Each structure stands twice: as C-alpha cells, then as structure tokens.
Amino acid sequence: WMNAAARAWLGADERAAPISLLQLGIDPAALAPSGGVFDTTLQPAAGEPARCRVAAGAPSNGLRLLTLTPVDDLARAATRAGNLDELLDMVQDFGRLGVWERDARTLAGRWDRHMFRFWGLDPDGATPDFAAATQAIVPEDRAAFERAFHTSLRHAGVYAHRFRVQRPGGSMRRLHSQWVVKNGPDGRPARVQGVMTDETQAWEQAQSHDTALTQLRAALDLGR
C-alpha cells in the first residue's frame, strides 16, 4: 500500500497493483530487522531516476512502514532552515536579544551565543549554572531577581524582571528578562523558556537625552 503522495511522486496509478520493494530497487533482505535510514536511487514511472532517502521501520505483524523523501527536497529544506537561522541570528543581533531555557526542577540550563555575550563570557564554553549566572548580577539587584525567579517556579505563567550584570571586564549591562514557565505531564512546573534583551544602549541614550534637556533648560533660564 502507498499513500497518495508516494504514488504521485513515483507516478503510480492509484488503481494499479501495489508496487513491490524490488520494483522500487530496494532489496527487502537488505533491510535491517530493526529498521534504518539509507539513500538509494529510485526510478519513477515517468521521469529521470531520483535519489531518495528511505526510512524503514521495524516489521510489525508482517508489515514494514517506509517513508520516502527525495534527497533534493531534503537539501532545499536544509537550505531554507539555514537561511531562517541566519535571519533569526540577524534579528537577535539587531534587537540585542538572547534566548535561554532552564529545567524548573534542577535549574540545568542552556544559553544561545547572545546570552554569553551579555555576560561577557566565551560562547564556546558551558552554560553557567544558575548560581554562577546570578552571581554576576550586581548585589543591589540580585536578591530581587532570585526572589522573582524562584517565585515564578511555583506556577506556570509568564514573568519578567529587569536587572544589571557586571561583566568580567568591569562593564555593566542592563538586561530585561522575560520567561514562561511550563508544566510537565504531571501538571507541575517543569520547563522555563525565556528571552533577554540588552537595554543598555537605550538606557544610555535616554540618559544623554535627559542630560541635554536639563542643560538646555538651564541655558534658557540663564538667558532670561
């Protein structure tokens, strides 16, 4: 039996008899008992031979499920995925946006490279554990953030908090973290996913604007 997509790709009439594996150029005896994935060349009823990736499942009740994917389709999908990754990375660069996640129970986590940049760390290194990451938060902000984060782990929902981190070189970044706590199958919080925005430049620009405005007002007052 074949579904409509497979018949269309192979050019097989739906009223015709099922096509055997041998007709497809696949030797049933060569399939591993547990199944597997391999590439082969198939000959559609019309058109040129085409490279195809075959994913074969383990036999069940004398039947074996196979999925056929043209290799060209896989290559195009990989190219699209690569382009999307590049676009996402560009958006994160322009927006000064990092992505992170942690296990709500063990606090084990994963950062993207932008998060490492916010902390002034090597992106090829391991993601800092929760204690090490929060140690970089300035003392004036640390307790409030830890309290907000641990409180959020009690219930699924969306949360946010602003704080400052001190990087190894001494510079400071102003960050805005937003995260969502998700329940596991047992109905208890199990996973935390979040984004973090570096607001340092926006804050500095606002400060410069306020300073310039204050100076202008002072100059106008002197001229009266």
N, C-alpha and C. Protein backbone atom coordinates (compact mmCIF):
# COMPACT_ATOMS: atom_id res chain seq x y z
N TRP A 1 0.85 -1.19 0.00
CA TRP A 1 0.00 0.00 0.00
C TRP A 1 0.88 1.24 0.00
N MET A 2 0.43 2.29 -0.72
CA MET A 2 1.13 3.58 -0.75
C MET A 2 0.13 4.69 -0.57
N ASN A 3 0.56 5.77 0.09
CA ASN A 3 -0.34 6.91 0.18
C ASN A 3 -0.30 7.69 -1.12
N ALA A 4 -1.15 8.70 -1.20
CA ALA A 4 -1.30 9.45 -2.45
C ALA A 4 -0.01 10.18 -2.82
N ALA A 5 0.70 10.71 -1.82
CA ALA A 5 1.92 11.46 -2.11
C ALA A 5 2.99 10.57 -2.73
N ALA A 6 3.14 9.35 -2.17
CA ALA A 6 4.14 8.43 -2.71
C ALA A 6 3.77 7.99 -4.13
N ARG A 7 2.49 7.71 -4.35
CA ARG A 7 2.06 7.30 -5.69
C ARG A 7 2.28 8.43 -6.69
N ALA A 8 2.00 9.67 -6.27
CA ALA A 8 2.17 10.79 -7.18
C ALA A 8 3.64 10.98 -7.54
N TRP A 9 4.51 10.87 -6.54
CA TRP A 9 5.93 11.07 -6.80
C TRP A 9 6.49 9.97 -7.70
N LEU A 10 6.01 8.74 -7.48
CA LEU A 10 6.50 7.61 -8.28
C LEU A 10 5.73 7.45 -9.59
N GLY A 11 4.67 8.25 -9.77
CA GLY A 11 3.90 8.17 -11.00
C GLY A 11 3.07 6.91 -11.10
N ALA A 12 2.63 6.39 -9.95
CA ALA A 12 1.87 5.14 -9.94
C ALA A 12 0.38 5.45 -9.91
N ASP A 13 -0.38 4.77 -10.75
CA ASP A 13 -1.83 4.93 -10.79
C ASP A 13 -2.43 4.30 -9.54
N GLU A 14 -3.35 5.02 -8.89
CA GLU A 14 -3.94 4.51 -7.65
C GLU A 14 -4.77 3.26 -7.87
N ARG A 15 -5.17 3.02 -9.12
CA ARG A 15 -5.94 1.80 -9.40
C ARG A 15 -5.04 0.63 -9.74
N ALA A 16 -3.74 0.89 -9.91
CA ALA A 16 -2.82 -0.18 -10.26
C ALA A 16 -2.47 -1.01 -9.02
N ALA A 17 -1.89 -2.17 -9.28
CA ALA A 17 -1.48 -3.03 -8.18
C ALA A 17 -0.37 -2.35 -7.38
N PRO A 18 -0.26 -2.65 -6.08
CA PRO A 18 0.81 -2.06 -5.27
C PRO A 18 2.18 -2.33 -5.86
N ILE A 19 3.09 -1.44 -5.68
CA ILE A 19 4.46 -1.58 -6.18
C ILE A 19 5.29 -2.29 -5.11
N SER A 20 6.03 -3.31 -5.51
CA SER A 20 6.84 -4.05 -4.55
C SER A 20 8.14 -3.31 -4.27
N LEU A 21 8.80 -3.69 -3.18
CA LEU A 21 10.09 -3.10 -2.85
C LEU A 21 11.12 -3.37 -3.94
N LEU A 22 11.06 -4.57 -4.51
CA LEU A 22 12.01 -4.92 -5.58
C LEU A 22 11.81 -4.02 -6.79
N GLN A 23 10.53 -3.70 -7.09
CA GLN A 23 10.26 -2.79 -8.20
C GLN A 23 10.83 -1.40 -7.93
N LEU A 24 10.92 -1.04 -6.68
CA LEU A 24 11.50 0.25 -6.31
C LEU A 24 13.02 0.20 -6.26
N GLY A 25 13.56 -0.99 -6.42
CA GLY A 25 15.02 -1.11 -6.36
C GLY A 25 15.53 -1.32 -4.96
N ILE A 26 14.64 -1.72 -4.03
CA ILE A 26 15.03 -1.94 -2.64
C ILE A 26 14.95 -3.44 -2.35
N ASP A 27 16.05 -4.03 -1.91
CA ASP A 27 16.09 -5.45 -1.58
C ASP A 27 15.57 -5.65 -0.17
N PRO A 28 14.41 -6.29 0.02
CA PRO A 28 13.86 -6.48 1.37
C PRO A 28 14.84 -7.18 2.30
N ALA A 29 15.64 -8.10 1.73
CA ALA A 29 16.57 -8.86 2.57
C ALA A 29 17.69 -7.97 3.12
N ALA A 30 17.90 -6.84 2.46
CA ALA A 30 18.99 -5.95 2.90
C ALA A 30 18.55 -5.01 4.02
N LEU A 31 17.24 -4.97 4.30
CA LEU A 31 16.76 -4.09 5.35
C LEU A 31 17.08 -4.68 6.72
N ALA A 32 17.61 -3.87 7.59
CA ALA A 32 17.94 -4.33 8.94
C ALA A 32 16.66 -4.69 9.69
N PRO A 33 16.69 -5.74 10.52
CA PRO A 33 15.49 -6.14 11.26
C PRO A 33 14.90 -5.00 12.10
N SER A 34 15.77 -4.14 12.63
CA SER A 34 15.28 -3.06 13.47
C SER A 34 14.93 -1.81 12.68
N GLY A 35 15.09 -1.87 11.36
CA GLY A 35 14.83 -0.69 10.53
C GLY A 35 16.08 0.14 10.37
N GLY A 36 15.94 1.28 9.71
CA GLY A 36 17.10 2.14 9.50
C GLY A 36 16.81 3.18 8.44
N VAL A 37 17.82 4.00 8.15
CA VAL A 37 17.70 5.05 7.16
C VAL A 37 18.85 4.91 6.16
N PHE A 38 18.53 4.99 4.88
CA PHE A 38 19.58 4.90 3.86
C PHE A 38 19.12 5.64 2.61
N ASP A 39 20.08 6.00 1.76
CA ASP A 39 19.80 6.66 0.49
C ASP A 39 19.90 5.66 -0.64
N THR A 40 19.02 5.80 -1.61
CA THR A 40 19.05 4.92 -2.76
C THR A 40 18.53 5.68 -3.97
N THR A 41 18.66 5.09 -5.15
CA THR A 41 18.16 5.70 -6.38
C THR A 41 16.90 4.95 -6.83
N LEU A 42 15.80 5.70 -6.96
CA LEU A 42 14.55 5.09 -7.39
C LEU A 42 14.21 5.56 -8.80
N GLN A 43 13.49 4.73 -9.50
CA GLN A 43 13.08 5.04 -10.87
C GLN A 43 11.57 5.25 -10.90
N PRO A 44 11.10 6.52 -10.91
CA PRO A 44 9.66 6.76 -11.02
C PRO A 44 9.13 6.24 -12.35
N ALA A 45 7.84 6.04 -12.43
CA ALA A 45 7.25 5.56 -13.67
C ALA A 45 7.51 6.52 -14.82
N ALA A 46 7.59 7.80 -14.53
CA ALA A 46 7.88 8.80 -15.55
C ALA A 46 8.97 9.72 -15.01
N GLY A 47 9.91 10.05 -15.86
CA GLY A 47 10.96 10.96 -15.44
C GLY A 47 12.27 10.26 -15.19
N GLU A 48 13.25 11.04 -14.75
CA GLU A 48 14.59 10.54 -14.52
C GLU A 48 14.69 9.85 -13.16
N PRO A 49 15.67 8.94 -13.03
CA PRO A 49 15.92 8.35 -11.72
C PRO A 49 16.21 9.45 -10.69
N ALA A 50 15.81 9.23 -9.46
CA ALA A 50 15.96 10.25 -8.43
C ALA A 50 16.53 9.64 -7.16
N ARG A 51 17.45 10.39 -6.54
CA ARG A 51 17.98 9.95 -5.26
C ARG A 51 16.91 10.16 -4.19
N CYS A 52 16.78 9.19 -3.30
CA CYS A 52 15.71 9.23 -2.32
C CYS A 52 16.24 8.70 -0.98
N ARG A 53 15.80 9.33 0.11
CA ARG A 53 16.15 8.83 1.44
C ARG A 53 15.00 7.96 1.94
N VAL A 54 15.32 6.74 2.32
CA VAL A 54 14.32 5.77 2.78
C VAL A 54 14.50 5.58 4.29
N ALA A 55 13.42 5.78 5.02
CA ALA A 55 13.41 5.50 6.46
C ALA A 55 12.51 4.30 6.67
N ALA A 56 13.11 3.19 7.10
CA ALA A 56 12.36 1.94 7.25
C ALA A 56 12.16 1.63 8.72
N GLY A 57 10.92 1.37 9.10
CA GLY A 57 10.63 0.99 10.48
C GLY A 57 10.80 -0.50 10.68
N ALA A 58 10.76 -0.94 11.91
CA ALA A 58 10.84 -2.37 12.21
C ALA A 58 9.54 -3.06 11.80
N PRO A 59 9.60 -4.33 11.35
CA PRO A 59 8.37 -5.02 10.94
C PRO A 59 7.40 -5.17 12.10
N SER A 60 6.12 -5.10 11.78
CA SER A 60 5.06 -5.31 12.77
C SER A 60 3.92 -6.04 12.10
N ASN A 61 3.59 -7.22 12.61
CA ASN A 61 2.54 -8.05 12.02
C ASN A 61 2.78 -8.30 10.53
N GLY A 62 4.05 -8.51 10.18
CA GLY A 62 4.39 -8.81 8.80
C GLY A 62 4.47 -7.61 7.89
N LEU A 63 4.23 -6.42 8.42
CA LEU A 63 4.27 -5.20 7.62
C LEU A 63 5.42 -4.31 8.08
N ARG A 64 5.93 -3.53 7.14
CA ARG A 64 7.02 -2.61 7.47
C ARG A 64 6.68 -1.24 6.88
N LEU A 65 6.77 -0.18 7.70
CA LEU A 65 6.47 1.17 7.25
C LEU A 65 7.74 1.80 6.69
N LEU A 66 7.63 2.34 5.46
CA LEU A 66 8.73 3.05 4.84
C LEU A 66 8.29 4.46 4.45
N THR A 67 9.13 5.43 4.70
CA THR A 67 8.87 6.79 4.21
C THR A 67 9.95 7.13 3.19
N LEU A 68 9.54 7.75 2.10
CA LEU A 68 10.45 8.11 1.01
C LEU A 68 10.50 9.62 0.90
N THR A 69 11.70 10.18 0.92
CA THR A 69 11.87 11.63 0.79
C THR A 69 12.92 11.90 -0.27
N PRO A 70 12.57 12.62 -1.35
CA PRO A 70 13.57 12.97 -2.36
C PRO A 70 14.73 13.73 -1.72
N VAL A 71 15.96 13.34 -2.03
CA VAL A 71 17.13 13.99 -1.45
C VAL A 71 17.16 15.48 -1.82
N ASP A 72 16.70 15.81 -3.02
CA ASP A 72 16.66 17.23 -3.41
C ASP A 72 15.76 18.02 -2.47
N ASP A 73 14.65 17.43 -2.05
CA ASP A 73 13.75 18.11 -1.12
C ASP A 73 14.44 18.33 0.22
N LEU A 74 15.22 17.33 0.66
CA LEU A 74 15.95 17.47 1.91
C LEU A 74 16.97 18.59 1.83
N ALA A 75 17.65 18.68 0.67
CA ALA A 75 18.66 19.73 0.50
C ALA A 75 18.01 21.10 0.52
N ARG A 76 16.85 21.22 -0.17
CA ARG A 76 16.15 22.51 -0.18
C ARG A 76 15.67 22.87 1.22
N ALA A 77 15.19 21.87 1.96
CA ALA A 77 14.72 22.13 3.32
C ALA A 77 15.88 22.58 4.21
N ALA A 78 17.05 21.94 4.04
CA ALA A 78 18.22 22.33 4.84
C ALA A 78 18.65 23.75 4.51
N THR A 79 18.56 24.11 3.21
CA THR A 79 18.92 25.47 2.81
C THR A 79 17.97 26.49 3.42
N ARG A 80 16.66 26.18 3.39
CA ARG A 80 15.67 27.08 3.98
C ARG A 80 15.90 27.22 5.48
N ALA A 81 16.20 26.09 6.13
CA ALA A 81 16.43 26.14 7.57
C ALA A 81 17.66 26.98 7.88
N GLY A 82 18.72 26.81 7.05
CA GLY A 82 19.92 27.60 7.25
C GLY A 82 19.66 29.08 7.06
N ASN A 83 18.86 29.42 6.05
CA ASN A 83 18.53 30.83 5.81
C ASN A 83 17.72 31.40 6.97
N LEU A 84 16.79 30.60 7.50
CA LEU A 84 15.99 31.06 8.63
C LEU A 84 16.85 31.27 9.86
N ASP A 85 17.82 30.36 10.06
CA ASP A 85 18.73 30.51 11.20
C ASP A 85 19.53 31.80 11.08
N GLU A 86 19.99 32.10 9.85
CA GLU A 86 20.76 33.33 9.63
C GLU A 86 19.89 34.56 9.90
N LEU A 87 18.64 34.52 9.43
CA LEU A 87 17.74 35.64 9.65
C LEU A 87 17.45 35.84 11.13
N LEU A 88 17.22 34.72 11.84
CA LEU A 88 16.94 34.80 13.27
C LEU A 88 18.14 35.38 14.01
N ASP A 89 19.34 34.93 13.61
CA ASP A 89 20.55 35.44 14.25
C ASP A 89 20.70 36.94 14.01
N MET A 90 20.35 37.38 12.79
CA MET A 90 20.44 38.80 12.47
C MET A 90 19.44 39.60 13.31
N VAL A 91 18.23 39.08 13.43
CA VAL A 91 17.21 39.75 14.23
C VAL A 91 17.68 39.87 15.68
N GLN A 92 18.28 38.80 16.20
CA GLN A 92 18.76 38.83 17.57
C GLN A 92 19.90 39.83 17.74
N ASP A 93 20.78 39.90 16.73
CA ASP A 93 21.88 40.88 16.78
C ASP A 93 21.33 42.30 16.81
N PHE A 94 20.44 42.60 15.86
CA PHE A 94 19.89 43.96 15.77
C PHE A 94 19.06 44.30 17.00
N GLY A 95 18.32 43.33 17.49
CA GLY A 95 17.44 43.58 18.63
C GLY A 95 18.10 43.37 19.97
N ARG A 96 19.40 42.98 19.96
CA ARG A 96 20.13 42.69 21.21
C ARG A 96 19.32 41.72 22.07
N LEU A 97 19.01 40.59 21.46
CA LEU A 97 18.09 39.63 22.08
C LEU A 97 18.79 38.29 22.27
N GLY A 98 18.69 37.73 23.47
CA GLY A 98 19.23 36.41 23.76
C GLY A 98 18.12 35.45 24.13
N VAL A 99 18.37 34.16 23.96
CA VAL A 99 17.37 33.11 24.24
C VAL A 99 17.97 32.13 25.26
N TRP A 100 17.19 31.75 26.24
CA TRP A 100 17.67 30.83 27.27
C TRP A 100 16.57 29.90 27.74
N GLU A 101 16.94 28.82 28.38
CA GLU A 101 15.97 27.92 28.98
C GLU A 101 16.61 27.19 30.16
N ARG A 102 15.78 26.80 31.12
CA ARG A 102 16.25 26.05 32.28
C ARG A 102 15.21 25.02 32.70
N ASP A 103 15.70 23.95 33.28
CA ASP A 103 14.82 22.96 33.89
C ASP A 103 14.27 23.57 35.18
N ALA A 104 12.97 23.58 35.34
CA ALA A 104 12.37 24.23 36.50
C ALA A 104 12.67 23.51 37.81
N ARG A 105 13.13 22.26 37.71
CA ARG A 105 13.36 21.48 38.93
C ARG A 105 14.85 21.36 39.28
N THR A 106 15.69 21.17 38.27
CA THR A 106 17.13 21.04 38.52
C THR A 106 17.89 22.35 38.27
N LEU A 107 17.26 23.26 37.52
CA LEU A 107 17.85 24.54 37.10
C LEU A 107 18.98 24.37 36.09
N ALA A 108 19.16 23.15 35.57
CA ALA A 108 20.11 22.97 34.46
C ALA A 108 19.62 23.80 33.28
N GLY A 109 20.54 24.42 32.55
CA GLY A 109 20.09 25.34 31.51
C GLY A 109 20.90 25.31 30.23
N ARG A 110 20.43 26.10 29.29
CA ARG A 110 21.10 26.25 28.00
C ARG A 110 20.94 27.68 27.54
N TRP A 111 22.04 28.29 27.06
CA TRP A 111 22.05 29.66 26.53
C TRP A 111 22.42 29.64 25.06
N ASP A 112 21.90 30.62 24.30
CA ASP A 112 22.42 30.82 22.96
C ASP A 112 23.63 31.75 23.06
N ARG A 113 24.30 32.00 21.95
CA ARG A 113 25.56 32.75 21.99
C ARG A 113 25.35 34.21 22.45
N HIS A 114 24.18 34.75 22.19
CA HIS A 114 23.92 36.13 22.58
C HIS A 114 23.89 36.28 24.10
N MET A 115 23.41 35.28 24.80
CA MET A 115 23.40 35.32 26.25
C MET A 115 24.83 35.37 26.79
N PHE A 116 25.71 34.57 26.19
CA PHE A 116 27.11 34.60 26.62
C PHE A 116 27.70 35.99 26.42
N ARG A 117 27.34 36.63 25.33
CA ARG A 117 27.85 37.98 25.05
C ARG A 117 27.37 38.97 26.12
N PHE A 118 26.11 38.85 26.54
CA PHE A 118 25.60 39.75 27.58
C PHE A 118 26.42 39.63 28.86
N TRP A 119 26.81 38.41 29.19
CA TRP A 119 27.56 38.17 30.41
C TRP A 119 29.07 38.39 30.23
N GLY A 120 29.49 38.60 28.97
CA GLY A 120 30.92 38.78 28.70
C GLY A 120 31.69 37.48 28.78
N LEU A 121 31.04 36.36 28.42
CA LEU A 121 31.66 35.04 28.51
C LEU A 121 31.90 34.45 27.13
N ASP A 122 32.77 33.44 27.06
CA ASP A 122 33.09 32.76 25.82
C ASP A 122 31.89 31.90 25.39
N PRO A 123 31.32 32.14 24.20
CA PRO A 123 30.15 31.36 23.76
C PRO A 123 30.46 29.88 23.52
N ASP A 124 31.74 29.52 23.43
CA ASP A 124 32.10 28.11 23.25
C ASP A 124 32.16 27.38 24.58
N GLY A 125 32.00 28.11 25.68
CA GLY A 125 32.05 27.48 26.99
C GLY A 125 30.70 26.88 27.37
N ALA A 126 30.68 26.24 28.54
CA ALA A 126 29.44 25.63 29.03
C ALA A 126 28.53 26.72 29.60
N THR A 127 27.23 26.47 29.50
CA THR A 127 26.27 27.41 30.10
C THR A 127 26.47 27.45 31.60
N PRO A 128 26.63 28.64 32.19
CA PRO A 128 26.81 28.72 33.64
C PRO A 128 25.60 28.16 34.38
N ASP A 129 25.86 27.53 35.53
CA ASP A 129 24.71 27.09 36.32
C ASP A 129 24.02 28.32 36.90
N PHE A 130 22.86 28.09 37.49
CA PHE A 130 22.04 29.22 37.94
C PHE A 130 22.79 30.08 38.96
N ALA A 131 23.49 29.43 39.90
CA ALA A 131 24.20 30.18 40.94
C ALA A 131 25.30 31.05 40.33
N ALA A 132 26.06 30.48 39.38
CA ALA A 132 27.14 31.25 38.76
C ALA A 132 26.59 32.40 37.93
N ALA A 133 25.49 32.16 37.23
CA ALA A 133 24.90 33.22 36.39
C ALA A 133 24.39 34.37 37.26
N THR A 134 23.70 34.04 38.35
CA THR A 134 23.15 35.10 39.19
C THR A 134 24.23 35.82 39.98
N GLN A 135 25.40 35.19 40.16
CA GLN A 135 26.48 35.84 40.88
C GLN A 135 26.98 37.07 40.13
N ALA A 136 26.77 37.08 38.80
CA ALA A 136 27.19 38.23 38.00
C ALA A 136 26.22 39.40 38.11
N ILE A 137 25.03 39.15 38.63
CA ILE A 137 24.07 40.25 38.83
C ILE A 137 24.58 41.14 39.96
N VAL A 138 24.50 42.45 39.78
CA VAL A 138 25.02 43.36 40.80
C VAL A 138 24.28 43.11 42.11
N PRO A 139 24.99 43.24 43.24
CA PRO A 139 24.38 42.92 44.54
C PRO A 139 23.06 43.63 44.79
N GLU A 140 22.92 44.87 44.32
CA GLU A 140 21.70 45.63 44.57
C GLU A 140 20.48 45.01 43.87
N ASP A 141 20.72 44.24 42.81
CA ASP A 141 19.61 43.68 42.02
C ASP A 141 19.44 42.17 42.23
N ARG A 142 20.46 41.52 42.79
CA ARG A 142 20.50 40.06 42.80
C ARG A 142 19.37 39.43 43.60
N ALA A 143 19.18 39.87 44.82
CA ALA A 143 18.17 39.24 45.68
C ALA A 143 16.78 39.37 45.10
N ALA A 144 16.47 40.54 44.53
CA ALA A 144 15.13 40.74 43.95
C ALA A 144 14.90 39.82 42.77
N PHE A 145 15.94 39.64 41.93
CA PHE A 145 15.78 38.75 40.78
C PHE A 145 15.61 37.30 41.24
N GLU A 146 16.47 36.86 42.16
CA GLU A 146 16.37 35.47 42.63
C GLU A 146 14.99 35.20 43.24
N ARG A 147 14.49 36.16 43.99
CA ARG A 147 13.16 36.01 44.60
C ARG A 147 12.08 35.92 43.52
N ALA A 148 12.16 36.79 42.50
CA ALA A 148 11.17 36.78 41.42
C ALA A 148 11.24 35.48 40.63
N PHE A 149 12.45 35.00 40.36
CA PHE A 149 12.58 33.78 39.55
C PHE A 149 12.08 32.56 40.32
N HIS A 150 12.52 32.39 41.56
CA HIS A 150 12.10 31.22 42.33
C HIS A 150 10.60 31.24 42.60
N THR A 151 10.03 32.41 42.79
CA THR A 151 8.58 32.51 42.99
C THR A 151 7.84 32.08 41.72
N SER A 152 8.40 32.41 40.56
CA SER A 152 7.74 32.06 39.29
C SER A 152 7.70 30.56 39.08
N LEU A 153 8.62 29.81 39.71
CA LEU A 153 8.66 28.36 39.51
C LEU A 153 7.54 27.62 40.23
N ARG A 154 6.72 28.35 40.98
CA ARG A 154 5.62 27.70 41.69
C ARG A 154 4.41 27.47 40.80
N HIS A 155 4.26 28.32 39.77
CA HIS A 155 3.07 28.22 38.91
C HIS A 155 3.44 28.52 37.46
N ALA A 156 2.81 27.82 36.54
CA ALA A 156 3.00 28.11 35.11
C ALA A 156 2.49 29.51 34.82
N GLY A 157 3.19 30.22 33.94
CA GLY A 157 2.77 31.57 33.61
C GLY A 157 3.89 32.34 32.94
N VAL A 158 3.65 33.61 32.69
CA VAL A 158 4.62 34.48 32.04
C VAL A 158 5.12 35.50 33.06
N TYR A 159 6.44 35.71 33.08
CA TYR A 159 7.06 36.57 34.08
C TYR A 159 8.12 37.47 33.43
N ALA A 160 8.55 38.50 34.16
CA ALA A 160 9.57 39.41 33.64
C ALA A 160 10.27 40.10 34.79
N HIS A 161 11.53 40.49 34.54
CA HIS A 161 12.29 41.21 35.57
C HIS A 161 13.45 41.93 34.91
N ARG A 162 13.80 43.11 35.45
CA ARG A 162 14.95 43.88 34.98
C ARG A 162 16.06 43.84 36.03
N PHE A 163 17.31 43.77 35.56
CA PHE A 163 18.45 43.76 36.48
C PHE A 163 19.71 44.14 35.71
N ARG A 164 20.79 44.34 36.46
CA ARG A 164 22.08 44.68 35.86
C ARG A 164 23.10 43.57 36.14
N VAL A 165 23.98 43.32 35.16
CA VAL A 165 25.05 42.35 35.38
C VAL A 165 26.40 43.06 35.21
N GLN A 166 27.37 42.59 36.01
CA GLN A 166 28.73 43.12 35.94
C GLN A 166 29.56 42.10 35.18
N ARG A 167 30.11 42.47 34.04
CA ARG A 167 30.89 41.55 33.22
C ARG A 167 32.32 41.45 33.75
N PRO A 168 33.04 40.38 33.36
CA PRO A 168 34.41 40.19 33.86
C PRO A 168 35.32 41.39 33.60
N GLY A 169 35.13 42.10 32.50
CA GLY A 169 35.97 43.26 32.21
C GLY A 169 35.60 44.50 32.99
N GLY A 170 34.52 44.43 33.77
CA GLY A 170 34.11 45.56 34.59
C GLY A 170 32.93 46.35 34.04
N SER A 171 32.60 46.17 32.76
CA SER A 171 31.47 46.91 32.19
C SER A 171 30.15 46.34 32.72
N MET A 172 29.13 47.16 32.67
CA MET A 172 27.83 46.76 33.19
C MET A 172 26.80 46.76 32.07
N ARG A 173 25.89 45.76 32.09
CA ARG A 173 24.80 45.69 31.12
C ARG A 173 23.48 45.73 31.86
N ARG A 174 22.52 46.43 31.29
CA ARG A 174 21.17 46.48 31.84
C ARG A 174 20.29 45.55 31.02
N LEU A 175 19.75 44.53 31.66
CA LEU A 175 19.03 43.47 30.96
C LEU A 175 17.57 43.39 31.40
N HIS A 176 16.74 43.00 30.45
CA HIS A 176 15.32 42.77 30.72
C HIS A 176 15.01 41.33 30.34
N SER A 177 14.72 40.50 31.32
CA SER A 177 14.44 39.09 31.07
C SER A 177 12.94 38.82 31.15
N GLN A 178 12.44 38.08 30.16
CA GLN A 178 11.04 37.67 30.14
C GLN A 178 11.02 36.16 29.92
N TRP A 179 10.20 35.45 30.70
CA TRP A 179 10.20 34.00 30.59
C TRP A 179 8.83 33.41 30.82
N VAL A 180 8.66 32.19 30.33
CA VAL A 180 7.41 31.47 30.52
C VAL A 180 7.73 30.15 31.22
N VAL A 181 6.96 29.84 32.24
CA VAL A 181 7.10 28.59 32.99
C VAL A 181 6.02 27.64 32.48
N LYS A 182 6.43 26.44 32.07
CA LYS A 182 5.50 25.46 31.50
C LYS A 182 5.43 24.23 32.38
N ASN A 183 4.22 23.68 32.49
CA ASN A 183 4.02 22.48 33.28
C ASN A 183 4.46 21.24 32.52
N GLY A 184 4.86 20.20 33.27
CA GLY A 184 5.15 18.91 32.69
C GLY A 184 3.91 18.03 32.69
N PRO A 185 4.06 16.77 32.27
CA PRO A 185 2.90 15.86 32.22
C PRO A 185 2.22 15.66 33.58
N ASP A 186 2.98 15.88 34.66
CA ASP A 186 2.39 15.70 35.99
C ASP A 186 1.64 16.93 36.48
N GLY A 187 1.57 17.98 35.62
CA GLY A 187 0.85 19.19 36.00
C GLY A 187 1.64 20.15 36.85
N ARG A 188 2.91 19.86 37.08
CA ARG A 188 3.76 20.74 37.88
C ARG A 188 4.76 21.46 36.98
N PRO A 189 5.21 22.67 37.37
CA PRO A 189 6.20 23.40 36.55
C PRO A 189 7.43 22.54 36.27
N ALA A 190 7.80 22.44 35.00
CA ALA A 190 8.92 21.58 34.62
C ALA A 190 9.95 22.27 33.73
N ARG A 191 9.51 23.28 32.98
CA ARG A 191 10.42 23.87 31.99
C ARG A 191 10.25 25.38 31.97
N VAL A 192 11.37 26.07 31.82
CA VAL A 192 11.37 27.53 31.75
C VAL A 192 12.07 27.94 30.45
N GLN A 193 11.40 28.74 29.65
CA GLN A 193 11.98 29.26 28.41
C GLN A 193 11.86 30.77 28.42
N GLY A 194 12.94 31.45 28.02
CA GLY A 194 12.90 32.89 28.10
C GLY A 194 13.72 33.60 27.04
N VAL A 195 13.50 34.89 26.96
CA VAL A 195 14.30 35.77 26.12
C VAL A 195 14.83 36.90 27.00
N MET A 196 15.97 37.43 26.61
CA MET A 196 16.58 38.51 27.38
C MET A 196 17.01 39.61 26.42
N THR A 197 16.69 40.83 26.76
CA THR A 197 17.02 41.98 25.92
C THR A 197 18.05 42.86 26.63
N ASP A 198 19.08 43.24 25.89
CA ASP A 198 20.08 44.16 26.42
C ASP A 198 19.59 45.59 26.20
N GLU A 199 19.20 46.26 27.27
CA GLU A 199 18.64 47.60 27.19
C GLU A 199 19.67 48.69 27.49
N THR A 200 20.94 48.30 27.55
CA THR A 200 21.99 49.24 27.96
C THR A 200 22.04 50.46 27.05
N GLN A 201 22.08 50.22 25.74
CA GLN A 201 22.20 51.34 24.81
C GLN A 201 20.99 52.26 24.88
N ALA A 202 19.80 51.68 24.97
CA ALA A 202 18.59 52.50 25.06
C ALA A 202 18.60 53.34 26.34
N TRP A 203 19.07 52.75 27.44
CA TRP A 203 19.12 53.48 28.71
C TRP A 203 20.13 54.63 28.63
N GLU A 204 21.31 54.34 28.02
CA GLU A 204 22.33 55.39 27.88
C GLU A 204 21.84 56.53 27.00
N GLN A 205 21.12 56.18 25.93
CA GLN A 205 20.59 57.22 25.05
C GLN A 205 19.56 58.07 25.79
N ALA A 206 18.73 57.42 26.60
CA ALA A 206 17.73 58.16 27.38
C ALA A 206 18.41 59.08 28.38
N GLN A 207 19.49 58.60 29.00
CA GLN A 207 20.23 59.42 29.95
C GLN A 207 20.84 60.63 29.26
N SER A 208 21.42 60.41 28.06
CA SER A 208 22.03 61.51 27.31
C SER A 208 20.98 62.54 26.93
N HIS A 209 19.80 62.05 26.54
CA HIS A 209 18.70 62.95 26.18
C HIS A 209 18.27 63.78 27.38
N ASP A 210 18.15 63.13 28.54
CA ASP A 210 17.74 63.85 29.75
C ASP A 210 18.78 64.89 30.15
N THR A 211 20.06 64.51 30.00
CA THR A 211 21.14 65.44 30.35
C THR A 211 21.11 66.66 29.43
N ALA A 212 20.96 66.41 28.13
CA ALA A 212 20.92 67.51 27.16
C ALA A 212 19.73 68.42 27.43
N LEU A 213 18.60 67.81 27.77
CA LEU A 213 17.39 68.60 28.05
C LEU A 213 17.58 69.46 29.30
N THR A 214 18.22 68.90 30.31
CA THR A 214 18.49 69.66 31.54
C THR A 214 19.42 70.83 31.25
N GLN A 215 20.45 70.58 30.45
CA GLN A 215 21.39 71.65 30.10
C GLN A 215 20.70 72.75 29.30
N LEU A 216 19.82 72.35 28.39
CA LEU A 216 19.10 73.33 27.59
C LEU A 216 18.21 74.21 28.46
N ARG A 217 17.51 73.58 29.40
CA ARG A 217 16.64 74.34 30.29
C ARG A 217 17.46 75.32 31.15
N ALA A 218 18.63 74.86 31.59
CA ALA A 218 19.49 75.72 32.40
C ALA A 218 19.96 76.92 31.59
N ALA A 219 20.32 76.67 30.33
CA ALA A 219 20.78 77.76 29.46
C ALA A 219 19.67 78.76 29.21
N LEU A 220 18.44 78.27 29.03
CA LEU A 220 17.30 79.16 28.79
C LEU A 220 17.00 79.99 30.03
N ASP A 221 17.15 79.36 31.20
CA ASP A 221 16.90 80.09 32.45
C ASP A 221 17.92 81.21 32.63
N LEU A 222 19.19 80.96 32.24
CA LEU A 222 20.23 81.98 32.37
C LEU A 222 19.99 83.14 31.42
N GLY A 223 19.36 82.85 30.31
CA GLY A 223 19.14 83.91 29.31
C GLY A 223 17.95 84.79 29.62
N ARG A 224 17.20 84.47 30.63
CA ARG A 224 16.03 85.29 30.95
C ARG A 224 16.40 86.54 31.74
